[in-house]
């Protein structure tokens, strides 16, 4: 998906991990995913660019679907669909 498509997605949960360094954003994403319904979408906001690598790897490992990410004003927006 391109940036414009990602921006239009309606999310079920936003996890704000801005200001948190690795592994903080990933840990917050793991906790936040429990509040997302099956098939629902979570958006992680992070100021740590490394999160853009951590979230896709974690998603694949545990059975979620990584949709993509984009950067806006120094904040990374990372979108994941809950798979299980």
PDB file of N, CA and C in Angstrom:
ATOM      1  N   UNK A   1       0.839  -1.193   0.000  1.00  0.00           N
ATOM      2  CA  UNK A   1       0.000   0.000   0.000  1.00  0.00           C
ATOM      3  C   UNK A   1       0.875   1.244   0.000  1.00  0.00           C
ATOM      4  N   UNK A   2       0.392   2.272  -0.677  1.00  0.00           N
ATOM      5  CA  UNK A   2       1.149   3.514  -0.650  1.00  0.00           C
ATOM      6  C   UNK A   2       0.690   4.387   0.521  1.00  0.00           C
ATOM      7  N   UNK A   3       1.401   5.471   0.735  1.00  0.00           N
ATOM      8  CA  UNK A   3       1.136   6.351   1.877  1.00  0.00           C
ATOM      9  C   UNK A   3      -0.298   6.848   1.909  1.00  0.00           C
ATOM     10  N   UNK A   4      -0.826   7.271   0.783  1.00  0.00           N
ATOM     11  CA  UNK A   4      -2.192   7.810   0.758  1.00  0.00           C
ATOM     12  C   UNK A   4      -3.217   6.741   1.143  1.00  0.00           C
ATOM     13  N   UNK A   5      -3.011   5.514   0.698  1.00  0.00           N
ATOM     14  CA  UNK A   5      -3.917   4.420   1.066  1.00  0.00           C
ATOM     15  C   UNK A   5      -3.826   4.135   2.558  1.00  0.00           C
ATOM     16  N   UNK A   6      -2.616   4.132   3.100  1.00  0.00           N
ATOM     17  CA  UNK A   6      -2.444   3.882   4.526  1.00  0.00           C
ATOM     18  C   UNK A   6      -3.120   4.958   5.373  1.00  0.00           C
ATOM     19  N   UNK A   7      -3.025   6.203   4.935  1.00  0.00           N
ATOM     20  CA  UNK A   7      -3.626   7.317   5.685  1.00  0.00           C
ATOM     21  C   UNK A   7      -5.148   7.230   5.734  1.00  0.00           C
ATOM     22  N   UNK A   8      -5.762   6.561   4.764  1.00  0.00           N
ATOM     23  CA  UNK A   8      -7.226   6.473   4.695  1.00  0.00           C
ATOM     24  C   UNK A   8      -7.803   5.319   5.504  1.00  0.00           C
ATOM     25  N   UNK A   9      -6.957   4.442   6.008  1.00  0.00           N
ATOM     26  CA  UNK A   9      -7.437   3.273   6.747  1.00  0.00           C
ATOM     27  C   UNK A   9      -8.029   3.688   8.084  1.00  0.00           C
ATOM     28  N   UNK A  10      -9.196   3.124   8.389  1.00  0.00           N
ATOM     29  CA  UNK A  10      -9.831   3.353   9.689  1.00  0.00           C
ATOM     30  C   UNK A  10      -9.229   2.350  10.667  1.00  0.00           C
ATOM     31  N   UNK A  11      -8.635   2.858  11.740  1.00  0.00           N
ATOM     32  CA  UNK A  11      -7.992   1.980  12.713  1.00  0.00           C
ATOM     33  C   UNK A  11      -8.894   1.752  13.923  1.00  0.00           C
ATOM     34  N   UNK A  12      -8.715   0.606  14.549  1.00  0.00           N
ATOM     35  CA  UNK A  12      -9.486   0.259  15.746  1.00  0.00           C
ATOM     36  C   UNK A  12      -8.784   0.687  17.024  1.00  0.00           C
ATOM     37  N   UNK A  13      -7.453   0.801  16.963  1.00  0.00           N
ATOM     38  CA  UNK A  13      -6.673   1.143  18.150  1.00  0.00           C
ATOM     39  C   UNK A  13      -5.428   1.900  17.722  1.00  0.00           C
ATOM     40  N   UNK A  14      -5.122   2.983  18.435  1.00  0.00           N
ATOM     41  CA  UNK A  14      -3.881   3.731  18.206  1.00  0.00           C
ATOM     42  C   UNK A  14      -3.012   3.564  19.442  1.00  0.00           C
ATOM     43  N   UNK A  15      -1.786   3.132  19.237  1.00  0.00           N
ATOM     44  CA  UNK A  15      -0.811   3.007  20.319  1.00  0.00           C
ATOM     45  C   UNK A  15       0.207   4.124  20.128  1.00  0.00           C
ATOM     46  N   UNK A  16       0.241   5.050  21.065  1.00  0.00           N
ATOM     47  CA  UNK A  16       1.152   6.190  20.978  1.00  0.00           C
ATOM     48  C   UNK A  16       2.439   5.876  21.738  1.00  0.00           C
ATOM     49  N   UNK A  17       3.479   5.511  21.001  1.00  0.00           N
ATOM     50  CA  UNK A  17       4.768   5.164  21.607  1.00  0.00           C
ATOM     51  C   UNK A  17       5.820   6.224  21.287  1.00  0.00           C
ATOM     52  N   UNK A  18       5.376   7.429  20.935  1.00  0.00           N
ATOM     53  CA  UNK A  18       6.323   8.503  20.636  1.00  0.00           C
ATOM     54  C   UNK A  18       7.158   8.807  21.875  1.00  0.00           C
ATOM     55  N   UNK A  19       8.454   9.029  21.660  1.00  0.00           N
ATOM     56  CA  UNK A  19       9.349   9.347  22.767  1.00  0.00           C
ATOM     57  C   UNK A  19       9.923   8.121  23.451  1.00  0.00           C
ATOM     58  N   UNK A  20       9.469   6.953  23.071  1.00  0.00           N
ATOM     59  CA  UNK A  20       9.949   5.701  23.651  1.00  0.00           C
ATOM     60  C   UNK A  20      10.997   5.087  22.723  1.00  0.00           C
ATOM     61  N   UNK A  21      12.113   4.645  23.294  1.00  0.00           N
ATOM     62  CA  UNK A  21      13.171   4.020  22.491  1.00  0.00           C
ATOM     63  C   UNK A  21      13.024   2.508  22.513  1.00  0.00           C
ATOM     64  N   UNK A  22      13.647   1.856  21.563  1.00  0.00           N
ATOM     65  CA  UNK A  22      13.632   0.406  21.444  1.00  0.00           C
ATOM     66  C   UNK A  22      14.039  -0.225  22.768  1.00  0.00           C
ATOM     67  N   UNK A  23      13.332  -1.221  23.257  1.00  0.00           N
ATOM     68  CA  UNK A  23      12.218  -1.949  22.658  1.00  0.00           C
ATOM     69  C   UNK A  23      10.845  -1.431  23.076  1.00  0.00           C
ATOM     70  N   UNK A  24      10.771  -0.235  23.636  1.00  0.00           N
ATOM     71  CA  UNK A  24       9.520   0.323  24.140  1.00  0.00           C
ATOM     72  C   UNK A  24       8.351   0.288  23.169  1.00  0.00           C
ATOM     73  N   UNK A  25       8.498   0.807  21.944  1.00  0.00           N
ATOM     74  CA  UNK A  25       7.364   0.800  21.019  1.00  0.00           C
ATOM     75  C   UNK A  25       6.850  -0.612  20.701  1.00  0.00           C
ATOM     76  N   UNK A  26       7.748  -1.565  20.581  1.00  0.00           N
ATOM     77  CA  UNK A  26       7.324  -2.941  20.312  1.00  0.00           C
ATOM     78  C   UNK A  26       6.559  -3.508  21.500  1.00  0.00           C
ATOM     79  N   UNK A  27       7.035  -3.271  22.707  1.00  0.00           N
ATOM     80  CA  UNK A  27       6.338  -3.756  23.899  1.00  0.00           C
ATOM     81  C   UNK A  27       4.954  -3.118  24.017  1.00  0.00           C
ATOM     82  N   UNK A  28       4.862  -1.835  23.718  1.00  0.00           N
ATOM     83  CA  UNK A  28       3.567  -1.155  23.767  1.00  0.00           C
ATOM     84  C   UNK A  28       2.631  -1.697  22.693  1.00  0.00           C
ATOM     85  N   UNK A  29       3.174  -2.024  21.522  1.00  0.00           N
ATOM     86  CA  UNK A  29       2.358  -2.612  20.453  1.00  0.00           C
ATOM     87  C   UNK A  29       1.819  -3.974  20.873  1.00  0.00           C
ATOM     88  N   UNK A  30       2.656  -4.781  21.501  1.00  0.00           N
ATOM     89  CA  UNK A  30       2.212  -6.102  21.968  1.00  0.00           C
ATOM     90  C   UNK A  30       1.074  -5.965  22.959  1.00  0.00           C
ATOM     91  N   UNK A  31       1.209  -5.047  23.904  1.00  0.00           N
ATOM     92  CA  UNK A  31       0.133  -4.822  24.896  1.00  0.00           C
ATOM     93  C   UNK A  31      -1.118  -4.277  24.220  1.00  0.00           C
ATOM     94  N   UNK A  32      -0.942  -3.351  23.307  1.00  0.00           N
ATOM     95  CA  UNK A  32      -2.077  -2.720  22.637  1.00  0.00           C
ATOM     96  C   UNK A  32      -2.870  -3.666  21.764  1.00  0.00           C
ATOM     97  N   UNK A  33      -2.208  -4.638  21.164  1.00  0.00           N
ATOM     98  CA  UNK A  33      -2.882  -5.562  20.252  1.00  0.00           C
ATOM     99  C   UNK A  33      -3.977  -6.365  20.958  1.00  0.00           C
ATOM    100  N   UNK A  34      -3.850  -6.560  22.267  1.00  0.00           N
ATOM    101  CA  UNK A  34      -4.870  -7.332  22.992  1.00  0.00           C
ATOM    102  C   UNK A  34      -6.234  -6.630  22.974  1.00  0.00           C
ATOM    103  N   UNK A  35      -6.246  -5.319  22.746  1.00  0.00           N
ATOM    104  CA  UNK A  35      -7.502  -4.554  22.706  1.00  0.00           C
ATOM    105  C   UNK A  35      -8.078  -4.428  21.300  1.00  0.00           C
ATOM    106  N   UNK A  36      -7.417  -5.024  20.317  1.00  0.00           N
ATOM    107  CA  UNK A  36      -7.859  -4.944  18.924  1.00  0.00           C
ATOM    108  C   UNK A  36      -8.649  -6.205  18.583  1.00  0.00           C
ATOM    109  N   UNK A  37      -9.851  -6.060  18.009  1.00  0.00           N
ATOM    110  CA  UNK A  37     -10.619  -7.260  17.638  1.00  0.00           C
ATOM    111  C   UNK A  37      -9.939  -8.020  16.497  1.00  0.00           C
ATOM    112  N   UNK A  38     -10.246  -9.312  16.377  1.00  0.00           N
ATOM    113  CA  UNK A  38      -9.702 -10.106  15.279  1.00  0.00           C
ATOM    114  C   UNK A  38     -10.038  -9.422  13.956  1.00  0.00           C
ATOM    115  N   UNK A  39      -9.050  -9.268  13.097  1.00  0.00           N
ATOM    116  CA  UNK A  39      -9.256  -8.602  11.822  1.00  0.00           C
ATOM    117  C   UNK A  39      -9.222  -7.087  11.922  1.00  0.00           C
ATOM    118  N   UNK A  40      -9.109  -6.573  13.152  1.00  0.00           N
ATOM    119  CA  UNK A  40      -9.049  -5.131  13.369  1.00  0.00           C
ATOM    120  C   UNK A  40      -7.647  -4.600  13.088  1.00  0.00           C
ATOM    121  N   UNK A  41      -7.539  -3.296  13.021  1.00  0.00           N
ATOM    122  CA  UNK A  41      -6.273  -2.664  12.662  1.00  0.00           C
ATOM    123  C   UNK A  41      -5.765  -1.781  13.794  1.00  0.00           C
ATOM    124  N   UNK A  42      -4.476  -1.947  14.084  1.00  0.00           N
ATOM    125  CA  UNK A  42      -3.806  -1.132  15.083  1.00  0.00           C
ATOM    126  C   UNK A  42      -2.796  -0.238  14.375  1.00  0.00           C
ATOM    127  N   UNK A  43      -2.726   1.001  14.827  1.00  0.00           N
ATOM    128  CA  UNK A  43      -1.731   1.945  14.325  1.00  0.00           C
ATOM    129  C   UNK A  43      -0.783   2.284  15.467  1.00  0.00           C
ATOM    130  N   UNK A  44       0.505   2.106  15.233  1.00  0.00           N
ATOM    131  CA  UNK A  44       1.522   2.439  16.227  1.00  0.00           C
ATOM    132  C   UNK A  44       2.192   3.733  15.794  1.00  0.00           C
ATOM    133  N   UNK A  45       2.241   4.712  16.693  1.00  0.00           N
ATOM    134  CA  UNK A  45       2.932   5.970  16.447  1.00  0.00           C
ATOM    135  C   UNK A  45       4.266   5.901  17.171  1.00  0.00           C
ATOM    136  N   UNK A  46       5.350   6.119  16.456  1.00  0.00           N
ATOM    137  CA  UNK A  46       6.673   6.014  17.061  1.00  0.00           C
ATOM    138  C   UNK A  46       7.618   7.059  16.485  1.00  0.00           C
ATOM    139  N   UNK A  47       8.464   7.589  17.358  1.00  0.00           N
ATOM    140  CA  UNK A  47       9.503   8.514  16.905  1.00  0.00           C
ATOM    141  C   UNK A  47      10.820   7.772  16.688  1.00  0.00           C
ATOM    142  N   UNK A  48      10.831   6.463  16.952  1.00  0.00           N
ATOM    143  CA  UNK A  48      12.015   5.616  16.773  1.00  0.00           C
ATOM    144  C   UNK A  48      11.900   4.865  15.454  1.00  0.00           C
ATOM    145  N   UNK A  49      12.731   5.215  14.475  1.00  0.00           N
ATOM    146  CA  UNK A  49      12.648   4.613  13.148  1.00  0.00           C
ATOM    147  C   UNK A  49      12.857   3.102  13.173  1.00  0.00           C
ATOM    148  N   UNK A  50      13.582   2.594  14.158  1.00  0.00           N
ATOM    149  CA  UNK A  50      13.806   1.160  14.283  1.00  0.00           C
ATOM    150  C   UNK A  50      12.521   0.364  14.454  1.00  0.00           C
ATOM    151  N   UNK A  51      11.486   1.032  14.925  1.00  0.00           N
ATOM    152  CA  UNK A  51      10.185   0.380  15.090  1.00  0.00           C
ATOM    153  C   UNK A  51       9.658  -0.106  13.746  1.00  0.00           C
ATOM    154  N   UNK A  52      10.037   0.570  12.672  1.00  0.00           N
ATOM    155  CA  UNK A  52       9.591   0.183  11.325  1.00  0.00           C
ATOM    156  C   UNK A  52      10.166  -1.166  10.903  1.00  0.00           C
ATOM    157  N   UNK A  53      11.221  -1.607  11.558  1.00  0.00           N
ATOM    158  CA  UNK A  53      11.771  -2.938  11.308  1.00  0.00           C
ATOM    159  C   UNK A  53      11.238  -3.943  12.324  1.00  0.00           C
ATOM    160  N   UNK A  54      11.105  -3.519  13.569  1.00  0.00           N
ATOM    161  CA  UNK A  54      10.675  -4.417  14.645  1.00  0.00           C
ATOM    162  C   UNK A  54       9.235  -4.897  14.479  1.00  0.00           C
ATOM    163  N   UNK A  55       8.317  -3.992  14.173  1.00  0.00           N
ATOM    164  CA  UNK A  55       6.896  -4.346  14.084  1.00  0.00           C
ATOM    165  C   UNK A  55       6.617  -5.359  12.966  1.00  0.00           C
ATOM    166  N   UNK A  56       7.151  -5.175  11.746  1.00  0.00           N
ATOM    167  CA  UNK A  56       6.904  -6.178  10.707  1.00  0.00           C
ATOM    168  C   UNK A  56       7.428  -7.572  11.079  1.00  0.00           C
ATOM    169  N   UNK A  57       8.612  -7.629  11.695  1.00  0.00           N
ATOM    170  CA  UNK A  57       9.172  -8.919  12.101  1.00  0.00           C
ATOM    171  C   UNK A  57       8.303  -9.589  13.156  1.00  0.00           C
ATOM    172  N   UNK A  58       7.890  -8.819  14.152  1.00  0.00           N
ATOM    173  CA  UNK A  58       7.018  -9.343  15.199  1.00  0.00           C
ATOM    174  C   UNK A  58       5.683  -9.791  14.613  1.00  0.00           C
ATOM    175  N   UNK A  59       5.103  -8.986  13.723  1.00  0.00           N
ATOM    176  CA  UNK A  59       3.815  -9.309  13.107  1.00  0.00           C
ATOM    177  C   UNK A  59       3.863 -10.657  12.399  1.00  0.00           C
ATOM    178  N   UNK A  60       4.887 -10.848  11.608  1.00  0.00           N
ATOM    179  CA  UNK A  60       5.033 -12.104  10.864  1.00  0.00           C
ATOM    180  C   UNK A  60       5.209 -13.286  11.818  1.00  0.00           C
ATOM    181  N   UNK A  61       5.993 -13.082  12.846  1.00  0.00           N
ATOM    182  CA  UNK A  61       6.292 -14.148  13.807  1.00  0.00           C
ATOM    183  C   UNK A  61       5.049 -14.634  14.549  1.00  0.00           C
ATOM    184  N   UNK A  62       4.158 -13.706  14.894  1.00  0.00           N
ATOM    185  CA  UNK A  62       3.003 -14.084  15.713  1.00  0.00           C
ATOM    186  C   UNK A  62       1.699 -14.216  14.929  1.00  0.00           C
ATOM    187  N   UNK A  63       1.733 -13.983  13.618  1.00  0.00           N
ATOM    188  CA  UNK A  63       0.543 -14.211  12.798  1.00  0.00           C
ATOM    189  C   UNK A  63      -0.332 -13.009  12.505  1.00  0.00           C
ATOM    190  N   UNK A  64       0.201 -11.806  12.674  1.00  0.00           N
ATOM    191  CA  UNK A  64      -0.528 -10.599  12.293  1.00  0.00           C
ATOM    192  C   UNK A  64      -0.090 -10.185  10.893  1.00  0.00           C
ATOM    193  N   UNK A  65      -0.837  -9.271  10.281  1.00  0.00           N
ATOM    194  CA  UNK A  65      -0.484  -8.807   8.939  1.00  0.00           C
ATOM    195  C   UNK A  65       0.010  -7.362   8.997  1.00  0.00           C
ATOM    196  N   UNK A  66       1.263  -7.170   8.643  1.00  0.00           N
ATOM    197  CA  UNK A  66       1.853  -5.836   8.565  1.00  0.00           C
ATOM    198  C   UNK A  66       1.353  -5.179   7.283  1.00  0.00           C
ATOM    199  N   UNK A  67       0.726  -4.008   7.399  1.00  0.00           N
ATOM    200  CA  UNK A  67       0.164  -3.323   6.230  1.00  0.00           C
ATOM    201  C   UNK A  67       1.124  -2.322   5.610  1.00  0.00           C
ATOM    202  N   UNK A  68       1.980  -1.720   6.425  1.00  0.00           N
ATOM    203  CA  UNK A  68       2.918  -0.740   5.914  1.00  0.00           C
ATOM    204  C   UNK A  68       3.147   0.375   6.921  1.00  0.00           C
ATOM    205  N   UNK A  69       3.973   1.332   6.521  1.00  0.00           N
ATOM    206  CA  UNK A  69       4.252   2.471   7.392  1.00  0.00           C
ATOM    207  C   UNK A  69       4.530   3.705   6.553  1.00  0.00           C
ATOM    208  N   UNK A  70       4.427   4.842   7.214  1.00  0.00           N
ATOM    209  CA  UNK A  70       4.805   6.107   6.588  1.00  0.00           C
ATOM    210  C   UNK A  70       5.252   7.065   7.677  1.00  0.00           C
ATOM    211  N   UNK A  71       6.054   8.053   7.272  1.00  0.00           N
ATOM    212  CA  UNK A  71       6.581   9.031   8.205  1.00  0.00           C
ATOM    213  C   UNK A  71       5.911  10.374   7.943  1.00  0.00           C
ATOM    214  N   UNK A  72       5.562  11.054   9.023  1.00  0.00           N
ATOM    215  CA  UNK A  72       4.925  12.366   8.903  1.00  0.00           C
ATOM    216  C   UNK A  72       5.375  13.226  10.084  1.00  0.00           C
ATOM    217  N   UNK A  73       6.060  14.302   9.797  1.00  0.00           N
ATOM    218  CA  UNK A  73       6.535  15.249  10.819  1.00  0.00           C
ATOM    219  C   UNK A  73       7.361  14.570  11.912  1.00  0.00           C
ATOM    220  N   UNK A  74       8.227  13.642  11.528  1.00  0.00           N
ATOM    221  CA  UNK A  74       9.096  12.984  12.491  1.00  0.00           C
ATOM    222  C   UNK A  74       8.454  11.849  13.262  1.00  0.00           C
ATOM    223  N   UNK A  75       7.240  11.491  12.897  1.00  0.00           N
ATOM    224  CA  UNK A  75       6.531  10.392  13.572  1.00  0.00           C
ATOM    225  C   UNK A  75       6.236   9.300  12.552  1.00  0.00           C
ATOM    226  N   UNK A  76       6.586   8.074  12.912  1.00  0.00           N
ATOM    227  CA  UNK A  76       6.296   6.913  12.064  1.00  0.00           C
ATOM    228  C   UNK A  76       4.927   6.363  12.416  1.00  0.00           C
ATOM    229  N   UNK A  77       4.130   6.087  11.407  1.00  0.00           N
ATOM    230  CA  UNK A  77       2.808   5.493  11.556  1.00  0.00           C
ATOM    231  C   UNK A  77       2.917   4.076  10.982  1.00  0.00           C
ATOM    232  N   UNK A  78       2.726   3.080  11.829  1.00  0.00           N
ATOM    233  CA  UNK A  78       2.904   1.686  11.442  1.00  0.00           C
ATOM    234  C   UNK A  78       1.569   0.973  11.632  1.00  0.00           C
ATOM    235  N   UNK A  79       1.063   0.344  10.582  1.00  0.00           N
ATOM    236  CA  UNK A  79      -0.263  -0.267  10.628  1.00  0.00           C
ATOM    237  C   UNK A  79      -0.185  -1.787  10.526  1.00  0.00           C
ATOM    238  N   UNK A  80      -0.952  -2.441  11.407  1.00  0.00           N
ATOM    239  CA  UNK A  80      -0.954  -3.903  11.493  1.00  0.00           C
ATOM    240  C   UNK A  80      -2.376  -4.395  11.695  1.00  0.00           C
ATOM    241  N   UNK A  81      -2.741  -5.457  10.965  1.00  0.00           N
ATOM    242  CA  UNK A  81      -4.030  -6.116  11.154  1.00  0.00           C
ATOM    243  C   UNK A  81      -3.852  -7.292  12.103  1.00  0.00           C
ATOM    244  N   UNK A  82      -4.739  -7.402  13.092  1.00  0.00           N
ATOM    245  CA  UNK A  82      -4.656  -8.514  14.035  1.00  0.00           C
ATOM    246  C   UNK A  82      -5.072  -9.805  13.352  1.00  0.00           C
ATOM    247  N   UNK A  83      -4.199 -10.789  13.422  1.00  0.00           N
ATOM    248  CA  UNK A  83      -4.460 -12.063  12.752  1.00  0.00           C
ATOM    249  C   UNK A  83      -4.881 -13.171  13.671  1.00  0.00           C
ATOM    250  N   UNK A  84      -4.542 -13.068  14.959  1.00  0.00           N
ATOM    251  CA  UNK A  84      -4.950 -14.113  15.894  1.00  0.00           C
ATOM    252  C   UNK A  84      -5.031 -13.577  17.299  1.00  0.00           C
TER     253      UNK A  84
END
